[in-house]
N, C-alpha and C. Protein backbone atom coordinates (compact mmCIF):
# COMPACT_ATOMS: atom_id res chain seq x y z
N MET A 1 0.93 -1.30 0.03
CA MET A 1 0.18 0.02 0.05
C MET A 1 0.71 1.23 -0.04
N LYS A 2 2.12 1.26 0.96
CA LYS A 2 2.82 2.42 1.07
C LYS A 2 3.54 2.57 -0.22
N ARG A 3 3.76 1.70 -1.07
CA ARG A 3 4.65 1.77 -2.30
C ARG A 3 3.80 2.35 -3.40
N ARG A 4 2.44 1.89 -3.45
CA ARG A 4 1.56 2.33 -4.35
C ARG A 4 1.35 4.11 -4.26
N GLN A 5 1.30 4.21 -2.83
CA GLN A 5 1.23 5.44 -2.52
C GLN A 5 2.29 6.65 -3.02
N LEU A 6 3.39 5.83 -2.59
CA LEU A 6 4.70 6.65 -3.03
C LEU A 6 4.99 6.85 -4.41
N LEU A 7 4.59 5.74 -5.14
CA LEU A 7 4.52 5.60 -6.66
C LEU A 7 3.71 6.74 -7.19
N LYS A 8 2.33 6.80 -6.68
CA LYS A 8 1.47 7.98 -7.10
C LYS A 8 1.81 9.10 -6.96
N LEU A 9 2.48 9.30 -5.66
CA LEU A 9 2.88 10.79 -5.37
C LEU A 9 4.13 11.32 -6.44
N LEU A 10 5.10 10.26 -6.74
CA LEU A 10 5.99 10.46 -7.49
C LEU A 10 5.33 10.79 -9.13
N GLY A 11 4.16 10.34 -9.27
CA GLY A 11 3.95 10.30 -10.79
C GLY A 11 4.21 8.97 -11.47
N LEU A 12 4.70 8.18 -10.86
CA LEU A 12 5.35 7.00 -11.41
C LEU A 12 4.10 5.93 -11.67
N ALA A 13 3.03 6.22 -11.25
CA ALA A 13 1.89 5.32 -11.65
C ALA A 13 1.22 5.95 -12.39
N SER A 14 1.32 6.89 -12.91
CA SER A 14 0.38 7.61 -13.84
C SER A 14 0.27 6.97 -15.37
N PRO A 15 -0.86 6.64 -15.89
CA PRO A 15 -0.90 5.93 -17.07
C PRO A 15 -0.42 6.87 -18.23
N THR A 16 -0.49 8.06 -17.87
CA THR A 16 0.21 9.07 -19.23
C THR A 16 1.55 8.77 -19.19
N LEU A 17 2.08 8.85 -18.09
CA LEU A 17 3.52 8.71 -17.85
C LEU A 17 3.92 7.41 -18.66
N LEU A 18 3.17 6.11 -18.29
CA LEU A 18 3.71 4.73 -18.56
C LEU A 18 3.75 4.92 -20.10
N ILE A 19 2.23 5.52 -20.68
CA ILE A 19 2.26 5.55 -22.34
C ILE A 19 3.44 6.29 -22.94
N ALA A 20 3.62 7.49 -22.04
CA ALA A 20 4.68 8.36 -22.91
C ALA A 20 6.04 7.64 -22.66
N ALA A 21 6.34 6.96 -21.93
CA ALA A 21 7.73 6.22 -21.91
C ALA A 21 7.57 4.89 -22.77
N SER A 22 6.49 4.29 -22.97
CA SER A 22 6.46 3.38 -23.72
C SER A 22 6.44 3.78 -25.15
N CYS A 23 6.00 4.96 -25.60
CA CYS A 23 5.96 5.27 -26.92
C CYS A 23 7.36 6.16 -27.34
N LYS A 24 8.44 6.09 -26.55
CA LYS A 24 9.91 6.51 -26.93
C LYS A 24 10.20 6.00 -28.08
N GLU A 25 10.76 6.72 -28.84
CA GLU A 25 10.88 6.22 -30.55
C GLU A 25 12.25 5.70 -30.30
N LYS A 26 12.56 4.54 -30.99
CA LYS A 26 13.78 3.93 -30.99
C LYS A 26 14.49 4.44 -32.31
N LEU A 27 15.78 4.47 -32.09
CA LEU A 27 16.79 5.11 -33.44
C LEU A 27 17.35 3.87 -33.94
N PRO A 28 17.74 3.93 -35.33
CA PRO A 28 17.80 2.69 -36.01
C PRO A 28 19.30 2.29 -35.44
N THR A 29 19.74 1.11 -35.68
CA THR A 29 21.23 0.53 -35.60
C THR A 29 22.10 0.67 -36.31
N SER A 30 21.38 0.82 -37.75
CA SER A 30 22.28 0.86 -39.05
C SER A 30 22.56 2.45 -39.33
N PRO A 31 23.46 2.70 -39.87
CA PRO A 31 23.92 4.12 -40.26
C PRO A 31 22.99 4.61 -41.06
N THR A 32 23.00 6.05 -41.26
CA THR A 32 22.20 7.09 -41.86
C THR A 32 23.40 7.44 -43.06
N ILE A 33 22.97 7.08 -44.22
CA ILE A 33 23.78 7.31 -45.45
C ILE A 33 23.17 8.48 -46.38
N VAL A 34 23.90 9.40 -46.73
CA VAL A 34 23.65 10.53 -47.69
C VAL A 34 24.52 10.52 -48.72
N THR A 35 23.88 10.19 -50.03
CA THR A 35 24.72 10.00 -51.21
C THR A 35 24.00 10.91 -52.35
N GLY A 36 24.77 11.24 -53.30
CA GLY A 36 24.45 11.76 -54.45
C GLY A 36 25.26 12.31 -55.39
N LYS A 37 25.16 13.14 -56.23
CA LYS A 37 25.81 13.58 -57.36
C LYS A 37 25.87 15.11 -57.27
N ILE A 38 26.98 15.77 -57.66
CA ILE A 38 27.36 17.11 -57.58
C ILE A 38 27.64 17.62 -58.94
N ILE A 39 27.05 18.36 -59.62
CA ILE A 39 27.38 18.91 -61.10
C ILE A 39 27.90 20.42 -60.91
N ASP A 40 28.30 20.92 -61.89
CA ASP A 40 28.81 22.22 -62.13
C ASP A 40 27.45 22.99 -63.13
N GLU A 41 27.67 24.22 -63.30
CA GLU A 41 26.60 25.01 -64.04
C GLU A 41 26.55 24.57 -65.57
N LYS A 42 27.38 23.61 -66.07
CA LYS A 42 27.18 23.05 -67.47
C LYS A 42 26.63 21.61 -67.14
N GLY A 43 26.31 21.30 -66.06
CA GLY A 43 25.75 19.83 -65.98
C GLY A 43 26.79 18.85 -65.95
N LEU A 44 28.11 18.94 -65.78
CA LEU A 44 29.16 18.19 -65.69
C LEU A 44 29.58 17.92 -64.18
N PRO A 45 30.06 16.68 -64.07
CA PRO A 45 30.29 16.32 -62.55
C PRO A 45 31.52 17.26 -61.94
N LEU A 46 31.40 17.51 -60.78
CA LEU A 46 32.27 18.54 -60.15
C LEU A 46 33.08 17.80 -59.07
N GLU A 47 34.42 17.66 -59.24
CA GLU A 47 35.47 17.02 -58.41
C GLU A 47 35.75 17.98 -57.11
N GLY A 48 35.57 17.47 -55.91
CA GLY A 48 36.13 18.14 -54.88
C GLY A 48 35.30 19.20 -53.87
N ALA A 49 33.98 19.10 -54.59
CA ALA A 49 33.26 20.05 -53.92
C ALA A 49 32.71 19.49 -52.18
N GLY A 50 32.47 20.03 -51.37
CA GLY A 50 32.34 19.50 -50.19
C GLY A 50 31.04 19.66 -49.36
N LEU A 51 30.87 18.55 -48.66
CA LEU A 51 29.55 18.53 -48.06
C LEU A 51 29.82 17.95 -46.69
N ARG A 52 28.94 18.49 -45.65
CA ARG A 52 29.28 18.24 -44.28
C ARG A 52 27.72 17.72 -43.46
N LEU A 53 27.90 16.59 -42.70
CA LEU A 53 26.79 15.86 -42.12
C LEU A 53 27.04 16.07 -40.69
N SER A 54 25.86 16.76 -40.08
CA SER A 54 26.03 17.09 -38.57
C SER A 54 24.64 16.60 -37.64
N GLY A 55 24.89 16.36 -36.55
CA GLY A 55 23.69 16.27 -35.76
C GLY A 55 23.77 16.93 -34.41
N THR A 56 22.52 17.57 -34.27
CA THR A 56 22.51 18.44 -32.98
C THR A 56 21.37 18.16 -32.18
N ASN A 57 21.51 18.63 -30.76
CA ASN A 57 20.46 18.34 -29.78
C ASN A 57 20.45 19.87 -29.47
N TRP A 58 19.18 20.39 -29.16
CA TRP A 58 19.09 21.65 -28.76
C TRP A 58 18.83 21.77 -27.19
N LYS A 59 19.39 22.71 -26.63
CA LYS A 59 19.54 22.91 -25.32
C LYS A 59 19.27 24.29 -25.19
N GLY A 60 17.92 24.62 -25.07
CA GLY A 60 17.45 26.05 -25.25
C GLY A 60 17.60 26.59 -26.38
N PHE A 61 18.23 27.85 -26.59
CA PHE A 61 18.42 28.06 -27.93
C PHE A 61 19.80 27.84 -28.38
N THR A 62 20.28 27.01 -28.00
CA THR A 62 21.93 26.78 -28.32
C THR A 62 21.81 25.11 -28.79
N PRO A 63 22.44 24.92 -30.29
CA PRO A 63 22.58 23.65 -30.83
C PRO A 63 23.62 22.99 -30.08
N VAL A 64 23.82 22.01 -29.63
CA VAL A 64 24.64 21.18 -29.02
C VAL A 64 24.98 19.79 -30.11
N PRO A 65 26.44 19.74 -30.57
CA PRO A 65 26.51 18.63 -31.61
C PRO A 65 26.55 17.36 -30.75
N THR A 66 26.08 16.40 -31.49
CA THR A 66 25.79 15.22 -30.88
C THR A 66 26.95 13.91 -31.31
N PHE A 67 27.62 14.35 -32.50
CA PHE A 67 28.69 13.60 -33.05
C PHE A 67 29.44 14.71 -33.82
N LEU A 68 30.79 14.09 -33.95
CA LEU A 68 31.68 14.96 -34.81
C LEU A 68 31.24 14.94 -36.34
N SER A 69 31.13 16.10 -36.77
CA SER A 69 30.67 16.22 -38.30
C SER A 69 31.33 15.36 -38.99
N VAL A 70 30.79 14.81 -40.36
CA VAL A 70 31.41 13.89 -41.22
C VAL A 70 31.38 14.58 -42.45
N THR A 71 32.45 14.62 -43.13
CA THR A 71 32.57 15.45 -44.43
C THR A 71 33.00 14.53 -45.52
N ALA A 72 32.70 14.97 -46.62
CA ALA A 72 33.02 14.19 -47.77
C ALA A 72 33.32 15.22 -49.03
N GLU A 73 34.10 14.83 -50.09
CA GLU A 73 34.35 15.72 -50.92
C GLU A 73 33.71 14.76 -52.28
N SER A 74 33.45 15.19 -53.45
CA SER A 74 32.82 14.74 -54.50
C SER A 74 34.04 14.24 -55.29
N ASP A 75 33.86 12.78 -55.83
CA ASP A 75 35.20 12.33 -56.50
C ASP A 75 35.11 13.04 -58.15
N LYS A 76 35.85 12.41 -58.87
CA LYS A 76 35.99 12.76 -60.25
C LYS A 76 34.56 12.62 -61.26
N ASP A 77 33.62 11.65 -60.54
CA ASP A 77 32.58 11.59 -61.29
C ASP A 77 31.46 12.42 -60.76
N GLY A 78 31.94 13.29 -59.64
CA GLY A 78 30.84 14.21 -58.99
C GLY A 78 29.95 13.33 -57.88
N ASN A 79 30.35 12.04 -57.75
CA ASN A 79 29.65 11.31 -56.55
C ASN A 79 30.28 11.81 -54.91
N TYR A 80 29.14 11.73 -54.14
CA TYR A 80 29.90 11.67 -52.77
C TYR A 80 28.83 10.86 -52.01
N LYS A 81 29.50 10.42 -50.59
CA LYS A 81 28.57 9.60 -49.66
C LYS A 81 29.18 10.08 -48.26
N LEU A 82 28.10 10.21 -47.39
CA LEU A 82 28.43 10.59 -46.16
C LEU A 82 27.73 9.38 -45.21
N SER A 83 28.23 8.74 -44.13
CA SER A 83 27.58 7.75 -43.37
C SER A 83 28.04 7.80 -41.88
N GLN A 84 26.80 7.76 -41.07
CA GLN A 84 26.85 8.14 -39.74
C GLN A 84 25.88 7.39 -39.02
N LEU A 85 26.15 6.58 -38.01
CA LEU A 85 25.28 6.16 -36.77
C LEU A 85 24.90 7.33 -36.20
N ILE A 86 23.56 7.41 -35.96
CA ILE A 86 23.37 8.86 -35.28
C ILE A 86 22.90 8.17 -33.88
N PRO A 87 23.44 9.18 -32.81
CA PRO A 87 23.38 8.80 -31.44
C PRO A 87 21.80 9.22 -30.82
N LYS A 88 21.64 8.47 -29.72
CA LYS A 88 20.22 8.70 -29.24
C LYS A 88 19.84 9.88 -28.82
N ASP A 89 20.65 10.64 -28.63
CA ASP A 89 20.27 12.12 -27.95
C ASP A 89 20.14 12.99 -29.02
N THR A 90 20.17 12.74 -30.45
CA THR A 90 20.15 13.31 -31.58
C THR A 90 18.80 14.08 -31.87
N GLU A 91 18.41 15.20 -32.08
CA GLU A 91 17.20 15.64 -32.40
C GLU A 91 17.09 16.03 -33.97
N VAL A 92 18.36 16.62 -34.40
CA VAL A 92 18.29 17.08 -35.90
C VAL A 92 19.51 16.51 -36.66
N VAL A 93 18.97 15.94 -37.91
CA VAL A 93 20.64 15.71 -38.77
C VAL A 93 20.26 16.38 -39.72
N SER A 94 21.37 16.96 -40.40
CA SER A 94 21.50 17.99 -41.50
C SER A 94 22.78 17.76 -42.43
N ILE A 95 22.42 18.36 -43.52
CA ILE A 95 23.72 18.23 -44.43
C ILE A 95 23.88 19.74 -45.05
N LEU A 96 24.87 20.17 -45.32
CA LEU A 96 25.25 21.63 -45.60
C LEU A 96 26.76 21.61 -46.55
N SER A 97 26.70 22.07 -47.41
CA SER A 97 27.89 22.34 -48.53
C SER A 97 28.80 23.18 -47.56
N MET A 98 30.03 22.95 -48.19
CA MET A 98 31.14 23.71 -47.38
C MET A 98 32.37 23.95 -48.44
N ALA A 99 33.01 24.68 -48.09
CA ALA A 99 34.19 25.48 -49.19
C ALA A 99 35.31 24.28 -49.11
N THR A 100 35.96 23.99 -49.95
CA THR A 100 37.20 23.08 -50.11
C THR A 100 38.31 23.84 -50.79
N ASP A 101 39.49 23.41 -50.96
CA ASP A 101 40.36 23.93 -51.71
C ASP A 101 40.28 23.93 -53.11
N LYS A 102 39.69 22.88 -53.69
CA LYS A 102 39.14 22.88 -55.02
C LYS A 102 38.08 23.58 -55.38
N VAL A 103 36.85 23.51 -54.57
CA VAL A 103 35.96 24.25 -54.67
C VAL A 103 35.43 25.20 -53.94
N PRO A 104 35.78 26.52 -53.93
CA PRO A 104 35.74 27.59 -53.23
C PRO A 104 34.13 28.08 -53.13
N THR A 105 33.42 28.24 -52.08
CA THR A 105 31.99 28.78 -51.97
C THR A 105 32.04 30.21 -51.64
N GLY A 106 31.03 31.07 -51.71
CA GLY A 106 30.88 32.24 -51.52
C GLY A 106 30.87 33.28 -52.39
N ASN A 107 31.61 34.56 -52.42
CA ASN A 107 31.78 35.76 -53.38
C ASN A 107 32.62 35.57 -54.15
N GLN A 108 33.69 34.55 -54.17
CA GLN A 108 34.77 34.19 -55.28
C GLN A 108 34.70 33.09 -55.84
N GLY A 109 33.63 32.10 -55.46
CA GLY A 109 33.59 30.85 -55.86
C GLY A 109 32.41 30.30 -56.40
N TYR A 110 31.82 29.19 -55.92
CA TYR A 110 30.64 28.65 -56.12
C TYR A 110 29.51 28.93 -55.30
N VAL A 111 28.31 28.62 -55.75
CA VAL A 111 27.18 29.15 -55.11
C VAL A 111 26.56 27.94 -55.24
N PRO A 112 26.28 26.82 -53.98
CA PRO A 112 25.38 25.65 -53.96
C PRO A 112 23.84 25.59 -54.39
N TYR A 113 23.46 24.83 -54.98
CA TYR A 113 21.94 24.48 -55.11
C TYR A 113 21.85 23.29 -54.90
N VAL A 114 20.87 22.75 -54.25
CA VAL A 114 20.30 21.61 -54.08
C VAL A 114 18.89 21.12 -54.65
N SER A 115 18.86 20.03 -54.96
CA SER A 115 17.80 19.47 -55.91
C SER A 115 16.55 19.10 -54.97
N ARG A 116 15.37 19.83 -55.31
CA ARG A 116 14.05 19.67 -54.78
C ARG A 116 13.12 19.62 -55.71
N ASN A 117 12.26 18.61 -55.90
CA ASN A 117 11.10 18.56 -56.80
C ASN A 117 11.66 18.49 -58.00
N ASN A 118 12.96 17.89 -58.59
CA ASN A 118 13.37 17.83 -59.81
C ASN A 118 13.96 19.32 -60.36
N SER A 119 14.15 20.10 -59.41
CA SER A 119 14.78 21.37 -59.98
C SER A 119 15.79 21.59 -58.72
N PHE A 120 16.84 22.56 -59.03
CA PHE A 120 17.78 22.99 -58.17
C PHE A 120 17.42 24.18 -57.67
N VAL A 121 17.30 24.38 -56.53
CA VAL A 121 17.15 25.83 -55.70
C VAL A 121 18.12 26.22 -54.88
N PRO A 122 18.22 27.24 -54.56
CA PRO A 122 19.50 27.82 -53.77
C PRO A 122 19.44 27.01 -52.41
N GLU A 123 20.82 26.70 -51.94
CA GLU A 123 20.87 26.42 -50.68
C GLU A 123 21.07 27.25 -49.48
N THR A 124 19.98 27.87 -49.06
CA THR A 124 19.90 28.83 -47.92
C THR A 124 20.23 28.59 -46.66
N ALA A 125 19.98 27.31 -46.32
CA ALA A 125 20.16 26.73 -45.04
C ALA A 125 20.60 25.31 -44.95
N PRO A 126 20.99 24.81 -43.98
CA PRO A 126 21.28 23.42 -44.05
C PRO A 126 19.99 22.39 -44.66
N VAL A 127 20.23 21.24 -45.07
CA VAL A 127 19.08 20.36 -45.38
C VAL A 127 18.91 19.39 -44.22
N ASP A 128 17.70 19.52 -43.60
CA ASP A 128 17.51 18.25 -42.67
C ASP A 128 17.06 16.87 -43.41
N ILE A 129 17.79 15.72 -42.51
CA ILE A 129 17.34 14.53 -43.09
C ILE A 129 16.04 14.11 -41.91
N ALA A 130 15.07 13.76 -42.80
CA ALA A 130 13.96 13.49 -41.85
C ALA A 130 14.22 12.31 -41.00
N ARG A 131 13.73 12.37 -39.82
CA ARG A 131 14.07 11.33 -38.55
C ARG A 131 13.37 9.92 -39.39
N GLU A 132 12.25 9.97 -40.13
CA GLU A 132 12.03 8.65 -40.58
C GLU A 132 13.06 7.90 -41.55
N ASN A 133 13.88 8.87 -42.01
CA ASN A 133 15.01 8.46 -43.01
C ASN A 133 16.33 8.13 -42.27
N TRP A 134 16.49 8.35 -41.00
CA TRP A 134 17.65 7.94 -40.36
C TRP A 134 17.72 6.40 -40.33
N GLY A 135 18.86 5.98 -40.54
CA GLY A 135 19.23 4.53 -40.68
C GLY A 135 19.02 4.14 -42.06
N LYS A 136 18.63 4.90 -43.08
CA LYS A 136 18.50 4.57 -44.23
C LYS A 136 19.34 5.30 -45.21
N THR A 137 19.23 4.87 -46.61
CA THR A 137 20.16 6.01 -47.53
C THR A 137 19.08 6.98 -48.14
N THR A 138 19.59 8.30 -48.15
CA THR A 138 18.96 9.45 -48.73
C THR A 138 19.77 9.72 -49.74
N THR A 139 19.18 10.09 -51.09
CA THR A 139 19.94 10.89 -52.07
C THR A 139 19.47 12.20 -52.24
N LEU A 140 20.49 13.03 -52.26
CA LEU A 140 20.66 14.59 -52.31
C LEU A 140 21.68 14.96 -53.45
N ASN A 141 21.14 15.53 -54.40
CA ASN A 141 22.06 15.96 -55.53
C ASN A 141 22.11 17.37 -55.59
N TYR A 142 23.57 17.78 -55.81
CA TYR A 142 23.60 19.22 -55.75
C TYR A 142 24.16 19.86 -57.14
N GLN A 143 23.90 21.14 -57.57
CA GLN A 143 24.70 21.90 -58.47
C GLN A 143 25.24 22.97 -57.88
N PHE A 144 26.50 22.89 -58.42
CA PHE A 144 27.47 24.34 -58.03
C PHE A 144 27.57 25.17 -58.90
N ILE A 145 27.11 26.57 -59.07
CA ILE A 145 27.36 27.42 -60.01
C ILE A 145 28.48 28.41 -59.71
N LYS A 146 29.46 28.73 -60.75
CA LYS A 146 30.53 29.47 -60.46
C LYS A 146 29.93 30.98 -60.72
N GLN A 147 30.47 31.57 -59.70
CA GLN A 147 30.14 33.13 -60.02
C GLN A 147 31.23 33.73 -60.42
């Protein structure tokens, strides 16, 4: 009797709490893979373009990395592949272009565009990988246009 009263007092006997605890989402045990092709403004494969995959957990207004960013550069055929097992405390997984020695970005280099609905749109922010795609392979194609 005392145990039940103590659990009730602590809220541990609450059906709502038990349901919430049992609904906690399991994360996949296989790595999340992001792959694709990067082309230039002429539609040709672009070698050396950089991409970064990162994961964060928000603490208030501050993003806290949940794993070291994984980076990749496109090969001579424009192909790239990033792979990472997502830690359980991760809330957001995203991919973002980055400057490399071969392919600078910004004012003096290339402007990245990401493929959305069969057309390329400017990459204005990191592209989030949907939670239901964690542990699976996602394809994202890019076009880097020289300024």
